[in-house]
Protein backbone atom coordinates (compact mmCIF):
# COMPACT_ATOMS: atom_id res chain seq x y z
CA MET A 1 185.59 -136.28 -78.05
CA ALA A 2 183.88 -136.17 -74.76
CA ASP A 3 179.91 -136.43 -74.90
CA PRO A 4 178.35 -133.11 -75.74
CA GLU A 5 175.96 -131.41 -72.59
CA PRO A 6 172.58 -132.35 -73.32
CA GLY A 7 170.62 -130.59 -76.07
CA TRP A 8 173.78 -130.81 -78.21
CA LEU A 9 175.36 -132.49 -81.38
CA ALA A 10 178.90 -132.55 -82.27
CA LEU A 11 180.29 -134.18 -85.31
CA GLU A 12 184.32 -134.40 -86.41
CA GLY A 13 185.37 -134.87 -89.92
CA ILE A 14 183.33 -132.34 -90.95
CA THR A 15 183.81 -130.54 -94.36
CA TRP A 16 183.56 -126.67 -94.36
CA GLU A 17 181.16 -127.04 -97.59
CA THR A 18 179.34 -129.38 -95.79
CA TYR A 19 178.72 -126.65 -93.17
CA GLU A 20 177.65 -124.00 -95.04
CA LYS A 21 175.30 -126.75 -96.78
CA LEU A 22 173.87 -127.55 -93.65
CA ARG A 23 173.39 -124.11 -92.64
CA ASN A 24 171.76 -123.45 -95.68
CA ASP A 25 169.62 -126.24 -96.08
CA LEU A 26 168.38 -124.90 -92.55
CA ASP A 27 167.88 -120.99 -93.25
CA ASP A 28 165.67 -122.19 -96.09
CA ALA A 29 164.33 -124.49 -93.93
CA GLY A 30 162.99 -121.69 -90.65
CA ALA A 31 165.57 -123.48 -88.53
CA HIS A 32 166.40 -122.25 -85.16
CA VAL A 33 169.24 -124.29 -85.03
CA GLN A 34 172.17 -122.91 -84.41
CA ILE A 35 175.87 -124.42 -85.65
CA VAL A 36 179.52 -123.74 -84.61
CA TYR A 37 182.34 -125.12 -86.95
CA ASP A 38 185.40 -125.16 -85.80
CA ASP A 39 187.97 -126.37 -88.14
CA GLY A 40 185.95 -129.33 -88.86
CA THR A 41 184.19 -130.40 -85.49
CA MET A 42 180.45 -129.46 -85.86
CA TRP A 43 178.63 -129.29 -82.74
CA ILE A 44 174.40 -127.97 -83.33
CA MET A 45 171.96 -127.10 -80.76
CA ALA A 46 167.97 -126.59 -81.09
CA PRO A 47 168.41 -123.53 -78.71
CA LEU A 48 165.81 -124.92 -74.97
CA LEU A 49 162.73 -122.97 -73.98
CA ILE A 50 164.91 -120.88 -71.16
CA HIS A 51 167.86 -120.16 -73.60
CA VAL A 52 165.73 -118.29 -75.34
CA ARG A 53 163.69 -116.42 -72.81
CA ARG A 54 166.96 -115.38 -71.39
CA LYS A 55 168.38 -114.40 -74.73
CA THR A 56 165.44 -112.04 -75.95
CA LEU A 57 165.33 -110.32 -72.46
CA VAL A 58 169.09 -109.72 -72.59
CA GLY A 59 168.43 -108.67 -76.58
CA ARG A 60 165.70 -106.19 -75.33
CA MET A 61 167.42 -104.49 -72.50
CA ILE A 62 169.53 -103.76 -74.75
CA GLY A 63 167.23 -101.87 -77.01
CA LEU A 64 165.52 -100.60 -73.99
CA MET A 65 169.10 -98.57 -73.10
CA SER A 66 169.86 -97.61 -76.23
CA PHE A 67 166.08 -96.10 -76.64
CA LEU A 68 166.69 -94.72 -73.11
CA LEU A 69 170.12 -93.27 -73.05
CA ASP A 70 170.15 -91.94 -76.69
CA ILE A 71 172.78 -94.78 -77.99
CA PRO A 72 173.14 -95.68 -81.66
CA ILE A 73 173.13 -99.95 -82.72
CA ALA A 74 172.69 -101.89 -84.88
CA SER A 75 171.28 -105.54 -83.59
CA CYS A 76 171.91 -107.70 -85.48
CA GLY A 77 170.50 -110.80 -83.48
CA SER A 78 171.43 -114.27 -83.86
CA ALA A 79 172.68 -113.72 -87.60
CA THR A 80 175.68 -116.07 -88.60
CA TRP A 81 178.90 -114.89 -88.61
CA LYS A 82 181.61 -116.98 -91.38
CA ARG A 83 185.25 -116.94 -91.90
CA LYS A 84 185.58 -119.50 -94.35
CA GLU A 85 189.74 -118.45 -94.37
CA LEU A 86 189.19 -119.24 -89.84
CA ARG A 87 187.16 -122.58 -90.40
CA LYS A 88 184.99 -120.92 -88.55
CA GLY A 89 181.20 -120.35 -88.04
CA LEU A 90 178.54 -119.86 -85.48
CA GLU A 91 175.17 -117.81 -84.20
CA ALA A 92 175.16 -115.63 -81.30
CA ASP A 93 172.71 -115.76 -79.50
CA GLU A 94 172.37 -112.03 -80.57
CA CYS A 95 175.03 -109.74 -81.02
CA TYR A 96 175.24 -105.75 -82.20
CA TYR A 97 177.35 -103.39 -83.63
CA VAL A 98 177.84 -100.15 -80.89
CA GLN A 99 181.52 -98.58 -81.25
CA HIS A 100 181.05 -99.62 -85.06
CA ALA A 101 177.14 -98.06 -85.85
CA SER A 102 177.25 -95.24 -87.52
CA GLN A 103 179.02 -97.00 -90.34
CA ILE A 104 176.63 -100.11 -90.04
CA GLY A 105 173.88 -97.92 -90.84
CA GLY A 106 170.76 -99.42 -91.55
CA ARG A 107 172.69 -101.80 -93.89
CA VAL A 108 171.09 -105.86 -94.22
CA ASP A 109 174.40 -106.80 -97.49
CA LEU A 110 177.24 -106.91 -94.82
CA ASP A 111 180.24 -108.41 -96.36
CA LEU A 112 182.72 -110.05 -93.33
CA LYS A 113 185.48 -108.65 -96.01
CA ARG A 114 184.99 -104.75 -95.63
CA ASP A 115 183.11 -105.21 -92.30
CA PRO A 116 184.02 -105.25 -88.60
CA LEU A 117 182.62 -107.43 -86.97
CA PRO A 118 179.87 -106.84 -84.53
CA ASP A 119 180.95 -105.29 -81.86
CA LEU A 120 179.40 -106.94 -78.74
CA VAL A 121 178.71 -110.55 -78.59
CA ILE A 122 175.95 -111.88 -75.67
CA GLU A 123 175.52 -115.78 -75.37
CA VAL A 124 172.37 -116.44 -72.69
CA GLY A 125 172.97 -120.42 -71.67
CA ALA A 126 170.70 -122.22 -69.04
CA THR A 127 174.07 -124.54 -68.88
CA ARG A 128 177.36 -124.73 -69.89
CA SER A 129 177.95 -125.05 -73.51
CA PRO A 130 180.72 -127.65 -75.31
CA ALA A 131 180.90 -125.91 -78.63
CA PRO A 132 184.33 -122.99 -78.22
CA LYS A 133 181.81 -120.33 -79.27
CA PHE A 134 184.28 -117.38 -77.34
CA SER A 135 187.17 -118.80 -79.00
CA ALA A 136 185.88 -118.26 -82.92
CA TYR A 137 184.92 -115.78 -82.08
CA ALA A 138 188.31 -114.42 -80.22
CA ALA A 139 190.41 -115.58 -84.17
CA MET A 140 187.92 -113.93 -85.91
CA GLY A 141 188.70 -110.57 -83.65
CA VAL A 142 185.73 -109.60 -81.59
CA ALA A 143 185.97 -107.13 -79.44
CA GLU A 144 184.03 -107.72 -76.21
CA GLY A 145 181.40 -110.73 -75.08
CA TRP A 146 178.83 -110.95 -72.05
CA HIS A 147 178.15 -114.34 -71.25
CA PHE A 148 175.88 -115.78 -68.77
CA HIS A 149 175.60 -119.31 -68.57
CA GLY A 150 172.44 -119.46 -65.28
CA LYS A 151 174.95 -118.38 -62.49
CA LYS A 152 177.02 -115.50 -63.14
CA LEU A 153 176.47 -112.92 -65.95
CA ARG A 154 180.99 -112.18 -66.70
CA CYS A 155 182.05 -109.40 -69.20
CA LEU A 156 184.92 -110.85 -71.63
CA HIS A 157 187.23 -108.27 -73.28
CA LEU A 158 189.63 -109.40 -76.34
CA ARG A 159 193.52 -109.13 -75.16
CA LYS A 160 196.44 -110.21 -77.18
CA GLY A 161 193.96 -113.03 -78.62
CA LYS A 162 192.62 -114.15 -75.36
CA TYR A 163 189.16 -112.93 -73.60
CA GLN A 164 190.04 -111.76 -70.28
CA PRO A 165 187.80 -111.31 -67.69
CA ALA A 166 186.28 -107.37 -67.18
CA ALA A 167 184.13 -105.08 -65.01
CA MET A 168 183.52 -102.35 -67.62
CA SER A 169 182.26 -102.69 -70.55
CA LEU A 170 183.35 -101.64 -73.94
CA ALA A 171 179.95 -100.56 -75.72
CA PHE A 172 178.45 -99.39 -73.40
CA PRO A 173 181.75 -97.75 -71.04
CA PHE A 174 179.43 -96.47 -68.05
CA LEU A 175 177.42 -100.07 -67.80
CA ARG A 176 179.20 -102.91 -65.95
CA PRO A 177 177.33 -105.47 -66.99
CA ALA A 178 177.34 -107.57 -63.69
CA GLU A 179 174.77 -105.35 -63.05
CA LEU A 180 172.51 -107.08 -65.58
CA GLN A 181 172.42 -110.13 -63.85
CA ARG A 182 169.53 -109.09 -61.39
CA PHE A 183 167.74 -108.31 -63.68
CA ILE A 184 168.19 -111.48 -65.97
CA GLU A 185 166.99 -113.57 -63.16
CA LEU A 186 163.81 -112.10 -62.16
CA LEU A 187 162.85 -114.53 -64.83
CA PRO A 188 160.78 -116.95 -64.40
CA ALA A 189 159.38 -115.23 -61.39
CA GLN A 190 158.37 -112.01 -62.83
CA ASP A 191 156.79 -111.72 -65.78
CA GLU A 192 158.44 -109.56 -68.60
CA LEU A 193 156.78 -106.83 -68.47
CA ALA A 194 157.33 -106.41 -64.69
CA VAL A 195 161.21 -107.38 -65.28
CA MET A 196 161.75 -103.90 -68.46
CA ARG A 197 159.61 -102.17 -66.03
CA ALA A 198 162.08 -102.51 -63.57
CA PHE A 199 164.88 -102.09 -65.75
CA GLY A 200 163.88 -99.37 -66.95
CA GLU A 201 163.75 -97.28 -63.40
CA TRP A 202 167.41 -98.30 -62.73
CA LEU A 203 168.11 -96.73 -66.11
CA GLN A 204 166.34 -93.64 -66.01
CA THR A 205 169.45 -93.27 -62.88
CA LEU A 206 171.85 -93.32 -65.91
CA ARG A 207 170.87 -90.63 -66.88
CA PRO A 208 173.46 -87.24 -66.94
CA LYS A 209 171.23 -85.31 -65.04
CA LYS A 210 170.03 -81.77 -66.35
C-alpha cells in the first residue's frame, strides 16, 4: 500500500469486529476521529482545523438554505454508517436526508435494515483523501455526493453503481453546487458571519417571485 496522505493512518488486515470495537471505543471516549473501513483496510483521520471549519460552514449554508427556502431536511452530521454485509463503514463530513426527510422526521433510531441511507453526503477536505469514501458510498447506494478538496466543488450522482459528475443537485434541483464554492473560499479572508450574510443575500435571489 502507498503511504497515506498526511493526517491519515492506514491499516490492513483489520476484521469487522476490530473496526466496530475501535469505533465504539472512540465514540465512548468522545474522540473526534473519522474511520473509513473497506473490506479489511481501515483508514483513521483526526480532521484538521481547516477541514472542520469548511465542513461546518457548508453545513450552516445548507441549514440556512433549508430555512429560507422552506425545504425540509433531516441533518445527520458526521454520523457513522455501517453495512456489515458489504464490509464497509464510514462517517461523512456532513450528510442529509432531503428527498426522504419526511420519512425520517426527527427520529434518532435509524436502522439501515429498514431506513434508507442519507440522500446527500458532503466531503470537504483540505487535501485529497486516500480513503475510498466515495466507492464505499456507491456500494452502499448513496444517491448524491458533493466533494470539495480545496480547489473545486464537484456534484456527483450515482449512476449504474458509479459516481458521475453532474451540474445540478438531486437533493436541491434548483441548485448548482459549484456556485457554493465562492462562498466556501471566502474563509479565511472573511469571518463566518460575513460569509453567511453574503450567502443569505444570494439565497434571496433564488426565492420564487410573488
